[in-house]
């Protein structure tokens, strides 16, 4: 049986959606906009739950209408909340990169993908010394509330920072 640890935002209310969609053993870690920082304490707790509950997959999930992320992209009412400052900065940086790199009607999905990919990298790097992350699948998805579907995030290979040119002579 699959045992998955989900990193989610409490404002998305995704626990019942995930439980009804995916019939497996689900565990959750919540932080506003998936803004958690993987400090040593959280990494140790994550390692312990992976081992004790025999977690075989970790998934970062945000909804396409996540109010914390939308606030970072638009109104920025929460920008002064200290714990969300870093999240706002990351989201705004990804927005800037997506405008330079891509011309797409769905840049919000691109921004969410880039942000969740950065959280995946951060977790993998933090767990590398604590356990073999090759044994655990780590992924991300965006829940489209209007269509009631989970969509895998863009691959990190597709999302790049600033576009660059490589000239050869």
Protein backbone atom coordinates (compact mmCIF):
# COMPACT_ATOMS: atom_id res chain seq x y z
CA UNK A 1 0.00 0.00 0.00
CA UNK A 2 1.21 3.49 -0.86
CA UNK A 3 2.00 5.73 2.07
CA UNK A 4 2.33 9.38 1.11
CA UNK A 5 3.40 12.43 3.08
CA UNK A 6 1.75 15.56 1.66
CA UNK A 7 3.10 19.06 2.17
CA UNK A 8 0.05 21.29 1.77
CA UNK A 9 -1.31 24.73 2.63
CA UNK A 10 -4.10 24.81 5.23
CA UNK A 11 -5.98 27.50 3.27
CA UNK A 12 -6.50 25.04 0.38
CA UNK A 13 -8.51 22.52 2.47
CA UNK A 14 -7.10 19.65 0.42
CA UNK A 15 -7.09 16.87 3.03
CA UNK A 16 -10.64 15.65 2.24
CA UNK A 17 -10.05 16.04 -1.51
CA UNK A 18 -6.84 14.01 -1.34
CA UNK A 19 -8.40 11.37 0.93
CA UNK A 20 -11.40 10.97 -1.41
CA UNK A 21 -9.27 10.95 -4.57
CA UNK A 22 -6.36 8.75 -3.52
CA UNK A 23 -7.20 5.61 -1.58
CA UNK A 24 -3.97 5.09 0.34
CA UNK A 25 -2.43 5.98 3.67
CA UNK A 26 -2.06 9.79 3.70
CA UNK A 27 -0.07 11.96 6.10
CA UNK A 28 0.03 15.76 6.09
CA UNK A 29 2.34 18.61 6.95
CA UNK A 30 0.74 22.04 6.63
CA UNK A 31 2.33 25.44 6.19
CA UNK A 32 0.98 28.62 4.66
CA UNK A 33 1.54 28.45 0.92
CA UNK A 34 3.97 25.55 1.45
CA UNK A 35 6.36 28.15 2.82
CA UNK A 36 8.03 25.87 5.36
CA UNK A 37 11.79 26.09 5.75
CA UNK A 38 13.52 22.77 6.07
CA UNK A 39 15.64 23.46 9.13
CA UNK A 40 17.40 20.65 11.00
CA UNK A 41 14.46 20.08 13.35
CA UNK A 42 11.91 19.69 10.56
CA UNK A 43 14.28 17.51 8.53
CA UNK A 44 14.76 15.22 11.53
CA UNK A 45 10.97 15.04 12.10
CA UNK A 46 10.44 14.30 8.40
CA UNK A 47 13.06 11.55 8.47
CA UNK A 48 11.42 10.03 11.56
CA UNK A 49 7.94 9.97 10.04
CA UNK A 50 9.34 8.49 6.82
CA UNK A 51 10.95 5.67 8.79
CA UNK A 52 8.24 5.03 11.39
CA UNK A 53 5.29 5.19 8.97
CA UNK A 54 7.25 3.62 6.09
CA UNK A 55 6.48 6.54 3.77
CA UNK A 56 7.35 5.72 0.16
CA UNK A 57 6.34 9.00 -1.50
CA UNK A 58 6.31 12.71 -0.68
CA UNK A 59 4.16 15.16 -2.58
CA UNK A 60 4.04 18.95 -2.45
CA UNK A 61 0.55 20.19 -3.40
CA UNK A 62 -1.00 23.62 -3.83
CA UNK A 63 -4.35 24.54 -5.34
CA UNK A 64 -4.47 26.79 -8.38
CA UNK A 65 -6.48 29.28 -6.31
CA UNK A 66 -4.20 29.26 -3.26
CA UNK A 67 -4.90 32.57 -1.56
CA UNK A 68 -1.39 32.92 -0.13
CA UNK A 69 0.25 32.53 -3.55
CA UNK A 70 -2.39 34.68 -5.27
CA UNK A 71 -1.74 37.38 -2.68
CA UNK A 72 1.97 37.26 -3.50
CA UNK A 73 1.16 37.62 -7.21
CA UNK A 74 -1.44 40.36 -6.84
CA UNK A 75 -2.44 42.33 -3.71
CA UNK A 76 0.42 41.48 -1.36
CA UNK A 77 -1.71 42.06 1.73
CA UNK A 78 0.23 39.34 3.59
CA UNK A 79 3.68 40.61 2.54
CA UNK A 80 4.38 42.13 5.95
CA UNK A 81 3.80 38.86 7.80
CA UNK A 82 7.34 37.82 8.68
CA UNK A 83 6.92 34.10 8.00
CA UNK A 84 5.55 34.85 4.52
CA UNK A 85 8.19 37.39 3.43
CA UNK A 86 10.47 34.74 1.94
CA UNK A 87 7.55 33.07 0.16
CA UNK A 88 6.48 36.39 -1.37
CA UNK A 89 10.03 37.07 -2.52
CA UNK A 90 10.31 33.61 -4.12
CA UNK A 91 6.94 33.88 -5.87
CA UNK A 92 7.68 37.36 -7.20
CA UNK A 93 11.07 36.21 -8.47
CA UNK A 94 9.45 33.26 -10.26
CA UNK A 95 6.85 35.62 -11.74
CA UNK A 96 9.63 37.82 -13.09
CA UNK A 97 11.46 34.81 -14.56
CA UNK A 98 8.31 33.42 -16.18
CA UNK A 99 7.57 36.73 -17.87
CA UNK A 100 11.09 36.79 -19.31
CA UNK A 101 11.28 33.10 -20.21
CA UNK A 102 7.78 32.14 -21.29
CA UNK A 103 4.82 33.53 -23.12
CA UNK A 104 1.98 31.38 -21.93
CA UNK A 105 -1.60 31.92 -20.93
CA UNK A 106 -1.02 29.87 -17.79
CA UNK A 107 1.95 31.53 -16.13
CA UNK A 108 0.42 30.99 -12.68
CA UNK A 109 0.79 27.23 -13.19
CA UNK A 110 4.37 27.81 -14.32
CA UNK A 111 5.06 29.90 -11.21
CA UNK A 112 3.49 27.28 -8.92
CA UNK A 113 5.55 24.56 -10.65
CA UNK A 114 8.78 26.50 -10.24
CA UNK A 115 8.02 27.23 -6.59
CA UNK A 116 7.14 23.61 -5.76
CA UNK A 117 10.24 22.40 -7.64
CA UNK A 118 12.35 24.65 -5.42
CA UNK A 119 10.73 23.12 -2.30
CA UNK A 120 11.40 19.62 -3.68
CA UNK A 121 15.07 20.49 -4.23
CA UNK A 122 15.32 21.98 -0.76
CA UNK A 123 13.86 18.85 0.84
CA UNK A 124 16.04 16.47 -1.20
CA UNK A 125 19.15 18.43 -0.29
CA UNK A 126 18.21 18.48 3.39
CA UNK A 127 17.36 14.78 3.54
CA UNK A 128 20.42 13.64 1.56
CA UNK A 129 22.56 13.30 4.68
CA UNK A 130 19.78 11.71 6.76
CA UNK A 131 18.53 8.93 4.47
CA UNK A 132 18.64 7.68 0.92
CA UNK A 133 16.23 9.94 -0.97
CA UNK A 134 16.52 7.67 -4.03
CA UNK A 135 14.23 5.23 -2.22
CA UNK A 136 11.46 7.84 -1.90
CA UNK A 137 9.61 9.41 -4.79
CA UNK A 138 9.29 13.17 -4.29
CA UNK A 139 6.95 15.10 -6.57
CA UNK A 140 4.55 17.99 -6.78
CA UNK A 141 1.15 18.77 -8.18
CA UNK A 142 -1.35 21.58 -8.53
CA UNK A 143 -4.99 20.97 -7.75
CA UNK A 144 -7.34 22.65 -10.21
CA UNK A 145 -10.38 23.35 -8.09
CA UNK A 146 -12.64 24.18 -11.05
CA UNK A 147 -11.90 20.90 -12.86
CA UNK A 148 -11.39 18.80 -9.72
CA UNK A 149 -8.10 17.33 -10.97
CA UNK A 150 -4.52 17.12 -9.78
CA UNK A 151 -1.95 18.00 -12.42
CA UNK A 152 1.73 17.15 -12.07
CA UNK A 153 3.96 20.20 -11.95
CA UNK A 154 6.25 21.05 -14.83
CA UNK A 155 9.58 19.27 -14.70
CA UNK A 156 12.45 21.24 -13.26
CA UNK A 157 14.21 20.67 -16.59
CA UNK A 158 11.56 22.73 -18.36
CA UNK A 159 11.64 25.58 -15.87
CA UNK A 160 14.74 27.68 -16.03
CA UNK A 161 15.78 30.95 -14.48
CA UNK A 162 16.75 33.62 -16.91
CA UNK A 163 17.01 32.51 -20.51
CA UNK A 164 20.54 32.38 -21.74
CA UNK A 165 22.32 32.08 -25.00
CA UNK A 166 25.10 29.67 -25.68
CA UNK A 167 27.33 30.81 -28.49
CA UNK A 168 29.89 28.48 -30.02
CA UNK A 169 32.52 29.40 -32.55
